Amino acid sequence: MWRSNAQLSRAFAACAAAISLMGAGPATGVPVNIDVILPLTGGQAFSGHIHEETIHVYERYANANGGINGRPIHFDIHDDKSSPVVAVQLTNAIVATHAPVILGSSYQAACAAEAPVVASSTVEFCLSPGLNPKQPNVFATAISSTYIAASTYRFMRERGYKKIAVI
């Protein structure tokens, strides 16, 4: 698992710093590199391109407003080709560089495949709302679809609906 609480704290600090924009002017200096795994080709490319565009917009905005403690942010985007196998290969390569955080992928199968690889060294922030992470260093963008489906069934049943299905 984590070698120390300090390492876990540094990983969370990196995530928090990436989210909060500190500084008033444009960012300068050595960029903070954040690796992102997205499906830019293959069957999941529709979501990958939306995330890629959004990440580039955020990168420009953050850097124009001070970046992270005055340092620019650079999102290094890797194409997992809509393949969980490729996502695992990319994750292994990124973890080998001792990266504190990985964003992505944007579909559940790749995120689930990446999770065991980051078990002891890196924080994974999955961009898919379907993941139900069990590890303390793996996060998802929304509530797991498992819980959403159960809540939807309960909501419908309480309102008297009899024919309900989830696809």
N, C-alpha and C. Protein backbone atom coordinates (compact mmCIF):
# COMPACT_ATOMS: atom_id res chain seq x y z
N MET A 1 0.84 -1.18 0.00
CA MET A 1 0.00 0.00 0.00
C MET A 1 0.89 1.24 0.00
N TRP A 2 0.52 2.29 0.72
CA TRP A 2 1.33 3.51 0.75
C TRP A 2 2.55 3.29 1.63
N ARG A 3 3.70 3.77 1.17
CA ARG A 3 4.92 3.61 1.94
C ARG A 3 4.89 4.44 3.21
N SER A 4 4.18 5.57 3.16
CA SER A 4 4.08 6.41 4.35
C SER A 4 2.87 7.33 4.22
N ASN A 5 2.44 7.85 5.36
CA ASN A 5 1.35 8.83 5.34
C ASN A 5 1.79 10.08 4.62
N ALA A 6 3.07 10.39 4.67
CA ALA A 6 3.58 11.58 3.99
C ALA A 6 3.41 11.44 2.48
N GLN A 7 3.65 10.24 1.95
CA GLN A 7 3.48 10.02 0.51
C GLN A 7 2.02 10.18 0.12
N LEU A 8 1.11 9.64 0.92
CA LEU A 8 -0.32 9.79 0.67
C LEU A 8 -0.71 11.26 0.74
N SER A 9 -0.19 11.96 1.72
CA SER A 9 -0.49 13.39 1.86
C SER A 9 0.01 14.18 0.66
N ARG A 10 1.22 13.85 0.17
CA ARG A 10 1.74 14.55 -1.01
C ARG A 10 0.86 14.31 -2.23
N ALA A 11 0.37 13.08 -2.40
CA ALA A 11 -0.49 12.77 -3.54
C ALA A 11 -1.79 13.56 -3.47
N PHE A 12 -2.39 13.60 -2.28
CA PHE A 12 -3.62 14.37 -2.14
C PHE A 12 -3.36 15.86 -2.30
N ALA A 13 -2.22 16.33 -1.83
CA ALA A 13 -1.87 17.74 -1.99
C ALA A 13 -1.72 18.09 -3.47
N ALA A 14 -1.14 17.17 -4.24
CA ALA A 14 -1.00 17.41 -5.68
C ALA A 14 -2.37 17.50 -6.35
N CYS A 15 -3.29 16.64 -5.94
CA CYS A 15 -4.65 16.69 -6.49
C CYS A 15 -5.33 18.00 -6.10
N ALA A 16 -5.22 18.36 -4.83
CA ALA A 16 -5.86 19.60 -4.37
C ALA A 16 -5.26 20.81 -5.06
N ALA A 17 -3.96 20.80 -5.25
CA ALA A 17 -3.30 21.93 -5.92
C ALA A 17 -3.74 22.03 -7.37
N ALA A 18 -3.95 20.91 -8.01
CA ALA A 18 -4.38 20.93 -9.41
C ALA A 18 -5.79 21.50 -9.53
N ILE A 19 -6.60 21.30 -8.51
CA ILE A 19 -7.97 21.78 -8.55
C ILE A 19 -8.06 23.26 -8.19
N SER A 20 -7.30 23.67 -7.20
CA SER A 20 -7.36 25.07 -6.79
C SER A 20 -6.37 25.90 -7.59
N LEU A 21 -6.82 27.04 -8.03
CA LEU A 21 -5.96 27.92 -8.82
C LEU A 21 -5.40 29.00 -7.91
N MET A 22 -4.09 28.97 -7.72
CA MET A 22 -3.46 29.96 -6.86
C MET A 22 -2.60 30.89 -7.70
N GLY A 23 -2.62 32.13 -7.36
CA GLY A 23 -1.80 33.10 -8.08
C GLY A 23 -2.67 34.03 -8.89
N ALA A 24 -2.13 35.20 -9.17
CA ALA A 24 -2.92 36.21 -9.86
C ALA A 24 -2.56 36.33 -11.33
N GLY A 25 -1.28 36.15 -11.67
CA GLY A 25 -0.85 36.34 -13.04
C GLY A 25 -0.65 35.03 -13.76
N PRO A 26 -0.19 35.13 -15.00
CA PRO A 26 0.09 33.90 -15.77
C PRO A 26 1.16 33.05 -15.10
N ALA A 27 1.02 31.75 -15.23
CA ALA A 27 1.97 30.82 -14.63
C ALA A 27 3.28 30.82 -15.42
N THR A 28 4.38 30.70 -14.70
CA THR A 28 5.71 30.63 -15.31
C THR A 28 6.52 29.55 -14.61
N GLY A 29 7.62 29.18 -15.20
CA GLY A 29 8.51 28.20 -14.58
C GLY A 29 8.33 26.81 -15.13
N VAL A 30 8.82 25.85 -14.37
CA VAL A 30 8.76 24.44 -14.77
C VAL A 30 7.32 23.94 -14.61
N PRO A 31 6.73 23.37 -15.67
CA PRO A 31 5.34 22.92 -15.58
C PRO A 31 5.16 21.74 -14.63
N VAL A 32 3.97 21.68 -14.04
CA VAL A 32 3.54 20.52 -13.27
C VAL A 32 2.88 19.59 -14.27
N ASN A 33 3.46 18.41 -14.47
CA ASN A 33 2.94 17.46 -15.44
C ASN A 33 1.92 16.54 -14.78
N ILE A 34 0.74 16.43 -15.39
CA ILE A 34 -0.30 15.52 -14.91
C ILE A 34 -0.65 14.59 -16.07
N ASP A 35 -0.44 13.30 -15.87
CA ASP A 35 -0.72 12.31 -16.91
C ASP A 35 -2.22 12.02 -16.97
N VAL A 36 -2.73 11.94 -18.19
CA VAL A 36 -4.15 11.68 -18.43
C VAL A 36 -4.24 10.54 -19.43
N ILE A 37 -5.05 9.54 -19.12
CA ILE A 37 -5.29 8.42 -20.03
C ILE A 37 -6.72 8.55 -20.53
N LEU A 38 -6.87 8.68 -21.86
CA LEU A 38 -8.18 8.85 -22.47
C LEU A 38 -8.31 7.99 -23.72
N PRO A 39 -9.53 7.55 -24.05
CA PRO A 39 -9.75 6.82 -25.29
C PRO A 39 -9.95 7.80 -26.45
N LEU A 40 -8.89 8.12 -27.16
CA LEU A 40 -8.98 9.07 -28.26
C LEU A 40 -9.28 8.39 -29.59
N THR A 41 -9.12 7.08 -29.64
CA THR A 41 -9.48 6.29 -30.81
C THR A 41 -10.28 5.08 -30.34
N GLY A 42 -10.96 4.43 -31.25
CA GLY A 42 -11.74 3.25 -30.88
C GLY A 42 -13.16 3.61 -30.48
N GLY A 43 -13.86 2.64 -29.94
CA GLY A 43 -15.28 2.76 -29.63
C GLY A 43 -15.65 3.77 -28.57
N GLN A 44 -14.74 4.11 -27.68
CA GLN A 44 -15.03 5.07 -26.61
C GLN A 44 -14.53 6.48 -26.91
N ALA A 45 -14.08 6.70 -28.14
CA ALA A 45 -13.45 7.98 -28.50
C ALA A 45 -14.39 9.18 -28.33
N PHE A 46 -15.69 8.96 -28.44
CA PHE A 46 -16.63 10.08 -28.28
C PHE A 46 -16.47 10.74 -26.91
N SER A 47 -16.34 9.95 -25.85
CA SER A 47 -16.16 10.53 -24.52
C SER A 47 -14.74 11.03 -24.33
N GLY A 48 -13.79 10.34 -24.90
CA GLY A 48 -12.39 10.75 -24.76
C GLY A 48 -12.13 12.13 -25.34
N HIS A 49 -12.73 12.41 -26.49
CA HIS A 49 -12.51 13.72 -27.12
C HIS A 49 -13.18 14.84 -26.34
N ILE A 50 -14.33 14.57 -25.75
CA ILE A 50 -14.99 15.58 -24.91
C ILE A 50 -14.12 15.90 -23.70
N HIS A 51 -13.58 14.86 -23.06
CA HIS A 51 -12.71 15.08 -21.91
C HIS A 51 -11.42 15.79 -22.32
N GLU A 52 -10.85 15.40 -23.46
CA GLU A 52 -9.62 16.03 -23.93
C GLU A 52 -9.83 17.53 -24.15
N GLU A 53 -10.92 17.88 -24.80
CA GLU A 53 -11.21 19.29 -25.06
C GLU A 53 -11.38 20.07 -23.75
N THR A 54 -12.12 19.49 -22.82
CA THR A 54 -12.34 20.13 -21.53
C THR A 54 -11.04 20.30 -20.77
N ILE A 55 -10.18 19.30 -20.79
CA ILE A 55 -8.89 19.37 -20.10
C ILE A 55 -8.02 20.47 -20.71
N HIS A 56 -8.02 20.61 -22.02
CA HIS A 56 -7.24 21.67 -22.66
C HIS A 56 -7.77 23.06 -22.29
N VAL A 57 -9.09 23.20 -22.21
CA VAL A 57 -9.69 24.48 -21.80
C VAL A 57 -9.26 24.80 -20.37
N TYR A 58 -9.35 23.80 -19.48
CA TYR A 58 -8.94 24.01 -18.09
C TYR A 58 -7.46 24.36 -18.00
N GLU A 59 -6.63 23.68 -18.76
CA GLU A 59 -5.19 23.94 -18.75
C GLU A 59 -4.90 25.40 -19.13
N ARG A 60 -5.53 25.88 -20.19
CA ARG A 60 -5.33 27.28 -20.61
C ARG A 60 -5.81 28.25 -19.53
N TYR A 61 -6.98 27.98 -18.97
CA TYR A 61 -7.54 28.85 -17.93
C TYR A 61 -6.63 28.86 -16.69
N ALA A 62 -6.24 27.68 -16.23
CA ALA A 62 -5.40 27.59 -15.04
C ALA A 62 -4.08 28.31 -15.24
N ASN A 63 -3.45 28.11 -16.38
CA ASN A 63 -2.15 28.73 -16.64
C ASN A 63 -2.27 30.24 -16.77
N ALA A 64 -3.36 30.73 -17.29
CA ALA A 64 -3.57 32.18 -17.40
C ALA A 64 -3.82 32.81 -16.03
N ASN A 65 -4.21 31.98 -15.06
CA ASN A 65 -4.55 32.48 -13.72
C ASN A 65 -3.62 31.98 -12.63
N GLY A 66 -2.38 31.69 -12.97
CA GLY A 66 -1.39 31.37 -11.96
C GLY A 66 -1.01 29.91 -11.83
N GLY A 67 -1.71 29.03 -12.51
CA GLY A 67 -1.35 27.61 -12.45
C GLY A 67 -1.42 27.06 -11.04
N ILE A 68 -0.46 26.24 -10.68
CA ILE A 68 -0.34 25.69 -9.34
C ILE A 68 0.83 26.39 -8.66
N ASN A 69 0.51 27.22 -7.71
CA ASN A 69 1.55 28.00 -7.00
C ASN A 69 2.46 28.73 -7.98
N GLY A 70 1.89 29.28 -9.03
CA GLY A 70 2.65 30.05 -10.01
C GLY A 70 3.30 29.23 -11.10
N ARG A 71 3.23 27.90 -10.99
CA ARG A 71 3.79 27.03 -12.02
C ARG A 71 2.71 26.60 -13.00
N PRO A 72 3.03 26.56 -14.30
CA PRO A 72 2.01 26.14 -15.27
C PRO A 72 1.69 24.65 -15.14
N ILE A 73 0.50 24.31 -15.56
CA ILE A 73 0.05 22.91 -15.57
C ILE A 73 0.17 22.41 -17.01
N HIS A 74 0.64 21.17 -17.14
CA HIS A 74 0.62 20.53 -18.46
C HIS A 74 -0.01 19.16 -18.29
N PHE A 75 -1.10 18.94 -19.01
CA PHE A 75 -1.75 17.63 -19.02
C PHE A 75 -1.18 16.83 -20.19
N ASP A 76 -0.49 15.74 -19.86
CA ASP A 76 0.12 14.87 -20.86
C ASP A 76 -0.89 13.76 -21.17
N ILE A 77 -1.56 13.87 -22.31
CA ILE A 77 -2.66 12.97 -22.65
C ILE A 77 -2.16 11.78 -23.46
N HIS A 78 -2.54 10.57 -22.98
CA HIS A 78 -2.16 9.32 -23.62
C HIS A 78 -3.41 8.62 -24.14
N ASP A 79 -3.37 8.06 -25.34
CA ASP A 79 -4.50 7.37 -25.95
C ASP A 79 -4.50 5.89 -25.56
N ASP A 80 -5.56 5.46 -24.87
CA ASP A 80 -5.65 4.04 -24.52
C ASP A 80 -6.37 3.21 -25.59
N LYS A 81 -6.71 3.86 -26.71
CA LYS A 81 -7.30 3.19 -27.87
C LYS A 81 -8.59 2.43 -27.54
N SER A 82 -9.29 2.89 -26.49
CA SER A 82 -10.54 2.24 -26.04
C SER A 82 -10.30 0.79 -25.64
N SER A 83 -9.11 0.49 -25.15
CA SER A 83 -8.75 -0.87 -24.76
C SER A 83 -8.25 -0.88 -23.31
N PRO A 84 -8.92 -1.62 -22.42
CA PRO A 84 -8.42 -1.73 -21.05
C PRO A 84 -7.00 -2.28 -20.98
N VAL A 85 -6.63 -3.15 -21.91
CA VAL A 85 -5.27 -3.70 -21.93
C VAL A 85 -4.25 -2.59 -22.18
N VAL A 86 -4.54 -1.73 -23.14
CA VAL A 86 -3.64 -0.61 -23.43
C VAL A 86 -3.63 0.37 -22.25
N ALA A 87 -4.80 0.57 -21.62
CA ALA A 87 -4.87 1.45 -20.45
C ALA A 87 -3.95 0.94 -19.34
N VAL A 88 -3.92 -0.36 -19.13
CA VAL A 88 -3.04 -0.94 -18.11
C VAL A 88 -1.57 -0.75 -18.49
N GLN A 89 -1.25 -0.94 -19.76
CA GLN A 89 0.14 -0.74 -20.21
C GLN A 89 0.56 0.71 -19.98
N LEU A 90 -0.30 1.66 -20.32
CA LEU A 90 0.01 3.07 -20.10
C LEU A 90 0.14 3.38 -18.61
N THR A 91 -0.75 2.82 -17.81
CA THR A 91 -0.71 3.04 -16.36
C THR A 91 0.59 2.50 -15.78
N ASN A 92 0.99 1.32 -16.19
CA ASN A 92 2.27 0.76 -15.73
C ASN A 92 3.43 1.68 -16.07
N ALA A 93 3.45 2.21 -17.27
CA ALA A 93 4.52 3.12 -17.69
C ALA A 93 4.51 4.41 -16.87
N ILE A 94 3.32 4.94 -16.60
CA ILE A 94 3.22 6.18 -15.82
C ILE A 94 3.60 5.94 -14.36
N VAL A 95 3.12 4.86 -13.78
CA VAL A 95 3.46 4.53 -12.38
C VAL A 95 4.97 4.34 -12.23
N ALA A 96 5.63 3.80 -13.24
CA ALA A 96 7.07 3.59 -13.20
C ALA A 96 7.84 4.91 -13.10
N THR A 97 7.21 6.02 -13.52
CA THR A 97 7.86 7.34 -13.41
C THR A 97 7.62 7.99 -12.05
N HIS A 98 6.92 7.29 -11.15
CA HIS A 98 6.58 7.77 -9.81
C HIS A 98 5.65 8.98 -9.85
N ALA A 99 4.75 9.00 -10.83
CA ALA A 99 3.76 10.07 -10.92
C ALA A 99 2.82 10.00 -9.72
N PRO A 100 2.53 11.14 -9.09
CA PRO A 100 1.66 11.10 -7.91
C PRO A 100 0.19 10.90 -8.23
N VAL A 101 -0.22 11.27 -9.47
CA VAL A 101 -1.64 11.19 -9.82
C VAL A 101 -1.81 10.89 -11.31
N ILE A 102 -2.89 10.16 -11.63
CA ILE A 102 -3.28 9.88 -13.00
C ILE A 102 -4.75 10.24 -13.13
N LEU A 103 -5.10 10.96 -14.19
CA LEU A 103 -6.51 11.19 -14.52
C LEU A 103 -6.91 10.22 -15.61
N GLY A 104 -8.09 9.63 -15.47
CA GLY A 104 -8.60 8.77 -16.52
C GLY A 104 -8.57 7.31 -16.14
N SER A 105 -9.15 6.60 -16.94
CA SER A 105 -9.70 6.86 -18.26
C SER A 105 -11.11 7.42 -18.13
N SER A 106 -11.83 7.48 -19.24
CA SER A 106 -13.18 8.02 -19.19
C SER A 106 -14.24 6.94 -19.39
N TYR A 107 -13.86 5.67 -19.28
CA TYR A 107 -14.84 4.60 -19.33
C TYR A 107 -14.49 3.58 -18.25
N GLN A 108 -15.53 2.96 -17.73
CA GLN A 108 -15.44 2.13 -16.54
C GLN A 108 -14.48 0.95 -16.66
N ALA A 109 -14.48 0.26 -17.77
CA ALA A 109 -13.63 -0.93 -17.92
C ALA A 109 -12.15 -0.58 -17.78
N ALA A 110 -11.72 0.53 -18.37
CA ALA A 110 -10.31 0.92 -18.27
C ALA A 110 -9.97 1.34 -16.85
N CYS A 111 -10.86 2.10 -16.22
CA CYS A 111 -10.60 2.53 -14.84
C CYS A 111 -10.47 1.33 -13.91
N ALA A 112 -11.35 0.37 -14.06
CA ALA A 112 -11.30 -0.83 -13.23
C ALA A 112 -10.02 -1.62 -13.48
N ALA A 113 -9.55 -1.64 -14.72
CA ALA A 113 -8.31 -2.35 -15.05
C ALA A 113 -7.09 -1.61 -14.50
N GLU A 114 -7.15 -0.28 -14.47
CA GLU A 114 -6.02 0.52 -13.98
C GLU A 114 -5.87 0.46 -12.46
N ALA A 115 -6.98 0.31 -11.76
CA ALA A 115 -6.98 0.40 -10.30
C ALA A 115 -5.95 -0.51 -9.61
N PRO A 116 -5.85 -1.80 -9.96
CA PRO A 116 -4.86 -2.64 -9.28
C PRO A 116 -3.41 -2.19 -9.52
N VAL A 117 -3.16 -1.55 -10.64
CA VAL A 117 -1.80 -1.10 -10.96
C VAL A 117 -1.38 0.05 -10.04
N VAL A 118 -2.32 0.90 -9.67
CA VAL A 118 -2.00 2.06 -8.83
C VAL A 118 -2.18 1.75 -7.34
N ALA A 119 -2.30 0.47 -7.01
CA ALA A 119 -2.63 0.07 -5.65
C ALA A 119 -1.70 0.60 -4.58
N SER A 120 -0.46 0.86 -4.90
CA SER A 120 0.46 1.24 -3.83
C SER A 120 1.23 2.53 -4.06
N SER A 121 1.00 3.20 -5.18
CA SER A 121 1.92 4.32 -5.42
C SER A 121 1.29 5.59 -5.96
N THR A 122 0.17 5.52 -6.64
CA THR A 122 -0.35 6.66 -7.37
C THR A 122 -1.84 6.81 -7.10
N VAL A 123 -2.32 8.05 -7.09
CA VAL A 123 -3.75 8.32 -6.97
C VAL A 123 -4.35 8.29 -8.37
N GLU A 124 -5.44 7.55 -8.54
CA GLU A 124 -6.15 7.51 -9.81
C GLU A 124 -7.47 8.24 -9.64
N PHE A 125 -7.74 9.18 -10.54
CA PHE A 125 -9.03 9.87 -10.56
C PHE A 125 -9.71 9.49 -11.86
N CYS A 126 -10.63 8.53 -11.77
CA CYS A 126 -11.33 8.01 -12.94
C CYS A 126 -12.37 9.02 -13.41
N LEU A 127 -12.41 9.28 -14.70
CA LEU A 127 -13.35 10.23 -15.26
C LEU A 127 -14.68 9.59 -15.64
N SER A 128 -14.85 8.31 -15.34
CA SER A 128 -16.10 7.61 -15.60
C SER A 128 -16.97 7.65 -14.35
N PRO A 129 -18.25 7.97 -14.50
CA PRO A 129 -19.12 7.98 -13.33
C PRO A 129 -19.55 6.59 -12.89
N GLY A 130 -19.19 5.56 -13.63
CA GLY A 130 -19.68 4.23 -13.30
C GLY A 130 -18.83 3.45 -12.32
N LEU A 131 -17.61 3.89 -12.06
CA LEU A 131 -16.70 3.13 -11.21
C LEU A 131 -17.13 3.18 -9.75
N ASN A 132 -17.02 2.06 -9.06
CA ASN A 132 -17.30 1.98 -7.63
C ASN A 132 -15.99 1.61 -6.93
N PRO A 133 -15.11 2.60 -6.69
CA PRO A 133 -13.77 2.29 -6.19
C PRO A 133 -13.77 1.73 -4.77
N LYS A 134 -12.92 0.75 -4.56
CA LYS A 134 -12.77 0.11 -3.25
C LYS A 134 -11.45 0.52 -2.58
N GLN A 135 -10.52 1.03 -3.36
CA GLN A 135 -9.20 1.41 -2.85
C GLN A 135 -9.24 2.86 -2.34
N PRO A 136 -8.46 3.16 -1.30
CA PRO A 136 -8.45 4.53 -0.76
C PRO A 136 -7.78 5.55 -1.67
N ASN A 137 -7.05 5.11 -2.69
CA ASN A 137 -6.36 6.03 -3.59
C ASN A 137 -6.98 6.08 -4.98
N VAL A 138 -8.19 5.54 -5.14
CA VAL A 138 -8.89 5.55 -6.42
C VAL A 138 -10.22 6.28 -6.24
N PHE A 139 -10.45 7.26 -7.10
CA PHE A 139 -11.64 8.09 -7.01
C PHE A 139 -12.37 8.12 -8.34
N ALA A 140 -13.66 8.41 -8.32
CA ALA A 140 -14.47 8.52 -9.54
C ALA A 140 -15.20 9.86 -9.53
N THR A 141 -15.70 10.25 -10.69
CA THR A 141 -16.34 11.56 -10.83
C THR A 141 -17.74 11.64 -10.26
N ALA A 142 -18.38 10.52 -10.03
CA ALA A 142 -19.76 10.55 -9.56
C ALA A 142 -20.07 9.27 -8.79
N ILE A 143 -21.29 9.16 -8.38
CA ILE A 143 -21.76 7.98 -7.66
C ILE A 143 -21.79 6.80 -8.62
N SER A 144 -21.41 5.63 -8.13
CA SER A 144 -21.40 4.42 -8.95
C SER A 144 -22.77 4.12 -9.54
N SER A 145 -22.79 3.61 -10.76
CA SER A 145 -24.05 3.26 -11.42
C SER A 145 -24.81 2.19 -10.64
N THR A 146 -24.11 1.39 -9.84
CA THR A 146 -24.76 0.39 -8.99
C THR A 146 -25.72 1.08 -8.03
N TYR A 147 -25.28 2.16 -7.41
CA TYR A 147 -26.11 2.90 -6.46
C TYR A 147 -27.17 3.73 -7.18
N ILE A 148 -26.83 4.27 -8.34
CA ILE A 148 -27.79 5.08 -9.10
C ILE A 148 -28.97 4.21 -9.53
N ALA A 149 -28.70 3.00 -10.01
CA ALA A 149 -29.78 2.10 -10.45
C ALA A 149 -30.69 1.75 -9.28
N ALA A 150 -30.13 1.42 -8.13
CA ALA A 150 -30.94 1.08 -6.96
C ALA A 150 -31.79 2.26 -6.51
N SER A 151 -31.23 3.45 -6.53
CA SER A 151 -31.98 4.65 -6.15
C SER A 151 -33.09 4.94 -7.14
N THR A 152 -32.81 4.73 -8.42
CA THR A 152 -33.83 4.95 -9.45
C THR A 152 -34.98 3.98 -9.28
N TYR A 153 -34.67 2.71 -9.02
CA TYR A 153 -35.74 1.72 -8.79
C TYR A 153 -36.60 2.13 -7.60
N ARG A 154 -35.97 2.51 -6.51
CA ARG A 154 -36.69 2.90 -5.30
C ARG A 154 -37.58 4.13 -5.59
N PHE A 155 -37.02 5.13 -6.27
CA PHE A 155 -37.76 6.34 -6.63
C PHE A 155 -39.01 5.98 -7.44
N MET A 156 -38.83 5.14 -8.45
CA MET A 156 -39.95 4.75 -9.32
C MET A 156 -40.99 3.93 -8.55
N ARG A 157 -40.54 2.99 -7.74
CA ARG A 157 -41.45 2.14 -6.98
C ARG A 157 -42.29 2.97 -6.01
N GLU A 158 -41.67 3.95 -5.34
CA GLU A 158 -42.39 4.80 -4.40
C GLU A 158 -43.45 5.67 -5.09
N ARG A 159 -43.30 5.87 -6.38
CA ARG A 159 -44.27 6.66 -7.14
C ARG A 159 -45.29 5.78 -7.86
N GLY A 160 -45.22 4.48 -7.63
CA GLY A 160 -46.23 3.58 -8.16
C GLY A 160 -45.96 2.99 -9.53
N TYR A 161 -44.78 3.24 -10.09
CA TYR A 161 -44.47 2.66 -11.40
C TYR A 161 -44.23 1.16 -11.23
N LYS A 162 -44.77 0.38 -12.15
CA LYS A 162 -44.69 -1.09 -12.05
C LYS A 162 -43.71 -1.70 -13.05
N LYS A 163 -43.54 -1.10 -14.21
CA LYS A 163 -42.67 -1.66 -15.26
C LYS A 163 -41.43 -0.79 -15.39
N ILE A 164 -40.33 -1.29 -14.82
CA ILE A 164 -39.08 -0.54 -14.77
C ILE A 164 -37.96 -1.42 -15.30
N ALA A 165 -37.08 -0.83 -16.08
CA ALA A 165 -35.91 -1.57 -16.57
C ALA A 165 -34.72 -0.62 -16.68
N VAL A 166 -33.54 -1.17 -16.47
CA VAL A 166 -32.30 -0.39 -16.64
C VAL A 166 -31.45 -1.12 -17.66
N ILE A 167 -30.97 -0.37 -18.64
CA ILE A 167 -30.12 -0.97 -19.67
C ILE A 167 -28.71 -0.47 -19.49
